């Protein structure tokens, strides 16, 4: 204990921060304040417009490994009614990868509506029909997937059916003013063609 006290004494008392250093620190804080205020205003403006700083897709993509594990497990009935595992082989890379996606049943087919499509790659493998593997309700199935052409009658029919049945998707797909009685306007169809992709999966077994 005495030795520690001696060493502490050798360090000497802490000196007050020089005024010049304090003023420099204050100037840096003042310079950063407008940027913080701008960011806060931007966040407030986004909230006022009904937007979020972090996309839902961005959050869910981080959970993909957990969701995939659940869909492969005996607990899959918790998620299987709305989610399916899709295994895709890249057209150029040849790499196989598996992702969970939301789906709808259309007879014996599965229909996948891809939100924020410009940020995603997997659906681009199906500009031309190609093979796909899915895990649906605990079973491995083979199928062929094909992109539904934007602006086509099939694209419109699937989009209108989904927007009428799940009103929340109008906000996700950025067509808040959609009127189920009037159907999609031309500008709304154009917006959907930019925002989403639709993939039809025809199961083979």
Foldseek 3Di string as FASTA:
>chain_A
DVVVVVVVVVVPDDDDDDPVVVVVVVVVVVVCVVVVVVVVVVQVVCVVVVHHPADPVNVVVVCFVVLVVCCQDPNNVVPQVFKKKKWAQDPPPRDIDITIFGWDDDDQKIKGKFFQVVVDDRLVRACPKDKMWMQHNNRIFIWIKHWDDQPDPVNQVVVLVVCVVDVVVCVRLVNNVADSVVGDDPVSSVSNNVGIIMMMIRTDD
